[in-house]
Amino acid sequence: QVQLVESGGGLVQAGGSLRLSCAASGILFSRYDMAWYRQAPGKQRELAARVTSGGNTNYADSVKGRFTISRDNAKNTVFLQMNSLKPEDTAVYFCTADAGWGHYWGQGTQVTVST
C-alpha cells in the first residue's frame, strides 16, 4: 500500500530552523509531484511548497525565501528546509504525492514556533 511518513517536526524558537522529511513507499516516486501543505488551528490547509516530477518548485508568498523544498528520487524522499521560522509558521505539516490518477496524503507532523 501507499505510505507517506513525515518526520522532523518539533518545537523551535523564532528565527530557528527545522528540516522536515517525507519518506514515500508504494508509488513510482519520480513520477509524482511532491508537496508540503500546512494547516494551522482554525484555518484551511494551504500549499507551502511544491516540487514537480520535473524538478520545478513553487512556494507560498509567506514562505518564499525562507523555505526550500527538494527531492531525492533515489531515496524516495522529499525534504522541506525551513529557516528563519516565525510563530505564524506553526502548523501541522502534511506531505503529499500527486499525479494524474493518484493523490496521497501523509499523517502530518507538528511544527511549533515559539516567541
C-alpha atoms as a PDB file:
ATOM      1  CA  GLN A   1       0.000   0.000   0.000  1.00  0.00           C
ATOM      2  CA  VAL A   2       0.961   3.649  -0.374  1.00  0.00           C
ATOM      3  CA  GLN A   3       2.586   5.279   2.628  1.00  0.00           C
ATOM      4  CA  LEU A   4       3.913   8.789   3.189  1.00  0.00           C
ATOM      5  CA  VAL A   5       5.679   9.160   6.536  1.00  0.00           C
ATOM      6  CA  GLU A   6       6.725  12.615   7.728  1.00  0.00           C
ATOM      7  CA  SER A   7       9.408  13.291  10.317  1.00  0.00           C
ATOM      8  CA  GLY A   8      11.466  16.169  11.656  1.00  0.00           C
ATOM      9  CA  GLY A   9       8.815  18.328  13.262  1.00  0.00           C
ATOM     10  CA  GLY A  10       9.186  19.786  16.715  1.00  0.00           C
ATOM     11  CA  LEU A  11       9.354  22.888  18.873  1.00  0.00           C
ATOM     12  CA  VAL A  12      11.754  25.675  17.914  1.00  0.00           C
ATOM     13  CA  GLN A  13      12.242  29.329  18.790  1.00  0.00           C
ATOM     14  CA  ALA A  14      11.504  32.097  16.314  1.00  0.00           C
ATOM     15  CA  GLY A  15      14.436  32.545  13.982  1.00  0.00           C
ATOM     16  CA  GLY A  16      15.426  28.903  14.202  1.00  0.00           C
ATOM     17  CA  SER A  17      15.422  26.145  11.610  1.00  0.00           C
ATOM     18  CA  LEU A  18      13.899  22.722  11.058  1.00  0.00           C
ATOM     19  CA  ARG A  19      14.261  20.153   8.295  1.00  0.00           C
ATOM     20  CA  LEU A  20      11.224  18.004   7.517  1.00  0.00           C
ATOM     21  CA  SER A  21      11.472  14.701   5.682  1.00  0.00           C
ATOM     22  CA  CYS A  22       8.819  12.604   3.959  1.00  0.00           C
ATOM     23  CA  ALA A  23       9.590   9.022   3.003  1.00  0.00           C
ATOM     24  CA  ALA A  24       7.305   7.535   0.352  1.00  0.00           C
ATOM     25  CA  SER A  25       6.635   3.904  -0.463  1.00  0.00           C
ATOM     26  CA  GLY A  26       4.230   2.090  -2.758  1.00  0.00           C
ATOM     27  CA  ILE A  27       4.440   4.616  -5.614  1.00  0.00           C
ATOM     28  CA  LEU A  28       6.712   5.300  -8.564  1.00  0.00           C
ATOM     29  CA  PHE A  29       8.124   8.269  -6.693  1.00  0.00           C
ATOM     30  CA  SER A  30       9.836  10.029  -9.589  1.00  0.00           C
ATOM     31  CA  ARG A  31       6.534  10.242 -11.494  1.00  0.00           C
ATOM     32  CA  TYR A  32       4.773  12.257  -8.766  1.00  0.00           C
ATOM     33  CA  ASP A  33       4.658  15.905  -7.896  1.00  0.00           C
ATOM     34  CA  MET A  34       5.529  16.203  -4.199  1.00  0.00           C
ATOM     35  CA  ALA A  35       4.340  18.980  -1.921  1.00  0.00           C
ATOM     36  CA  TRP A  36       4.155  20.199   1.646  1.00  0.00           C
ATOM     37  CA  TYR A  37       0.842  21.561   2.885  1.00  0.00           C
ATOM     38  CA  ARG A  38       0.268  23.063   6.296  1.00  0.00           C
ATOM     39  CA  GLN A  39      -2.762  23.628   8.481  1.00  0.00           C
ATOM     40  CA  ALA A  40      -2.866  25.946  11.471  1.00  0.00           C
ATOM     41  CA  PRO A  41      -5.631  25.699  14.088  1.00  0.00           C
ATOM     42  CA  GLY A  42      -8.870  27.181  12.780  1.00  0.00           C
ATOM     43  CA  LYS A  43      -7.511  27.638   9.263  1.00  0.00           C
ATOM     44  CA  GLN A  44      -7.747  25.778   5.967  1.00  0.00           C
ATOM     45  CA  ARG A  45      -4.886  23.725   4.667  1.00  0.00           C
ATOM     46  CA  GLU A  46      -2.615  25.740   2.415  1.00  0.00           C
ATOM     47  CA  LEU A  47       0.125  24.804  -0.007  1.00  0.00           C
ATOM     48  CA  ALA A  48       3.502  25.806   1.398  1.00  0.00           C
ATOM     49  CA  ALA A  49       5.842  24.355  -1.222  1.00  0.00           C
ATOM     50  CA  ARG A  50       5.759  22.007  -4.203  1.00  0.00           C
ATOM     51  CA  VAL A  51       8.342  20.298  -6.359  1.00  0.00           C
ATOM     52  CA  THR A  52       7.112  18.717  -9.584  1.00  0.00           C
ATOM     53  CA  SER A  53       8.248  15.464 -11.125  1.00  0.00           C
ATOM     54  CA  GLY A  54      10.318  17.621 -13.481  1.00  0.00           C
ATOM     55  CA  GLY A  55      12.059  19.464 -10.641  1.00  0.00           C
ATOM     56  CA  ASN A  56      10.235  22.793 -10.809  1.00  0.00           C
ATOM     57  CA  THR A  57       9.465  24.411  -7.447  1.00  0.00           C
ATOM     58  CA  ASN A  58       6.721  26.710  -6.197  1.00  0.00           C
ATOM     59  CA  TYR A  59       6.326  28.438  -2.838  1.00  0.00           C
ATOM     60  CA  ALA A  60       3.645  30.304  -0.992  1.00  0.00           C
ATOM     61  CA  ASP A  61       4.442  34.000  -0.735  1.00  0.00           C
ATOM     62  CA  SER A  62       4.540  33.656   3.040  1.00  0.00           C
ATOM     63  CA  VAL A  63       7.462  31.197   2.956  1.00  0.00           C
ATOM     64  CA  LYS A  64       9.354  32.225  -0.169  1.00  0.00           C
ATOM     65  CA  GLY A  65      12.974  32.992   0.602  1.00  0.00           C
ATOM     66  CA  ARG A  66      12.864  31.087   3.895  1.00  0.00           C
ATOM     67  CA  PHE A  67      11.806  27.539   2.913  1.00  0.00           C
ATOM     68  CA  THR A  68      13.417  25.230   0.371  1.00  0.00           C
ATOM     69  CA  ILE A  69      11.809  22.059  -0.978  1.00  0.00           C
ATOM     70  CA  SER A  70      13.947  19.345  -2.526  1.00  0.00           C
ATOM     71  CA  ARG A  71      13.633  15.706  -3.509  1.00  0.00           C
ATOM     72  CA  ASP A  72      15.907  12.700  -3.689  1.00  0.00           C
ATOM     73  CA  ASN A  73      14.362  10.262  -6.141  1.00  0.00           C
ATOM     74  CA  ALA A  74      16.912   7.564  -5.308  1.00  0.00           C
ATOM     75  CA  LYS A  75      15.720   7.628  -1.692  1.00  0.00           C
ATOM     76  CA  ASN A  76      12.002   8.217  -2.422  1.00  0.00           C
ATOM     77  CA  THR A  77      12.166  11.190  -0.079  1.00  0.00           C
ATOM     78  CA  VAL A  78      11.136  14.830  -0.203  1.00  0.00           C
ATOM     79  CA  PHE A  79      12.524  17.451   2.191  1.00  0.00           C
ATOM     80  CA  LEU A  80      11.477  20.853   3.448  1.00  0.00           C
ATOM     81  CA  GLN A  81      14.260  23.007   4.869  1.00  0.00           C
ATOM     82  CA  MET A  82      12.675  25.749   6.982  1.00  0.00           C
ATOM     83  CA  ASN A  83      14.826  28.694   8.042  1.00  0.00           C
ATOM     84  CA  SER A  84      14.068  31.954   9.846  1.00  0.00           C
ATOM     85  CA  LEU A  85      10.956  30.421  11.338  1.00  0.00           C
ATOM     86  CA  LYS A  86       8.158  32.664  12.567  1.00  0.00           C
ATOM     87  CA  PRO A  87       5.345  31.967  15.045  1.00  0.00           C
ATOM     88  CA  GLU A  88       2.885  32.121  12.138  1.00  0.00           C
ATOM     89  CA  ASP A  89       4.611  29.059  10.652  1.00  0.00           C
ATOM     90  CA  THR A  90       3.149  26.999  13.499  1.00  0.00           C
ATOM     91  CA  ALA A  91       1.005  24.284  11.908  1.00  0.00           C
ATOM     92  CA  VAL A  92       0.704  20.617  11.137  1.00  0.00           C
ATOM     93  CA  TYR A  93       2.730  19.983   8.006  1.00  0.00           C
ATOM     94  CA  PHE A  94       1.496  17.331   5.562  1.00  0.00           C
ATOM     95  CA  CYS A  95       3.399  15.625   2.776  1.00  0.00           C
ATOM     96  CA  THR A  96       1.503  14.862  -0.439  1.00  0.00           C
ATOM     97  CA  ALA A  97       2.147  12.910  -3.623  1.00  0.00           C
ATOM     98  CA  ASP A  98       0.136  13.894  -6.679  1.00  0.00           C
ATOM     99  CA  ALA A  99      -0.183  12.510 -10.202  1.00  0.00           C
ATOM    100  CA  GLY A 100      -2.933  12.347 -12.815  1.00  0.00           C
ATOM    101  CA  TRP A 101      -4.722   9.378 -11.250  1.00  0.00           C
ATOM    102  CA  GLY A 102      -3.159   9.260  -7.814  1.00  0.00           C
ATOM    103  CA  HIS A 103      -3.252  11.582  -4.827  1.00  0.00           C
ATOM    104  CA  TYR A 104      -1.970  10.634  -1.377  1.00  0.00           C
ATOM    105  CA  TRP A 105      -1.511  12.334   1.989  1.00  0.00           C
ATOM    106  CA  GLY A 106       0.696  11.639   4.959  1.00  0.00           C
ATOM    107  CA  GLN A 107      -0.478  11.862   8.553  1.00  0.00           C
ATOM    108  CA  GLY A 108       1.320  15.125   9.268  1.00  0.00           C
ATOM    109  CA  THR A 109       3.992  16.350  11.643  1.00  0.00           C
ATOM    110  CA  GLN A 110       3.606  19.194  14.142  1.00  0.00           C
ATOM    111  CA  VAL A 111       5.798  22.279  13.867  1.00  0.00           C
ATOM    112  CA  THR A 112       5.564  24.784  16.713  1.00  0.00           C
ATOM    113  CA  VAL A 113       7.489  28.065  16.651  1.00  0.00           C
ATOM    114  CA  SER A 114       7.645  29.909  19.953  1.00  0.00           C
ATOM    115  CA  THR A 115       8.380  33.567  20.630  1.00  0.00           C
END
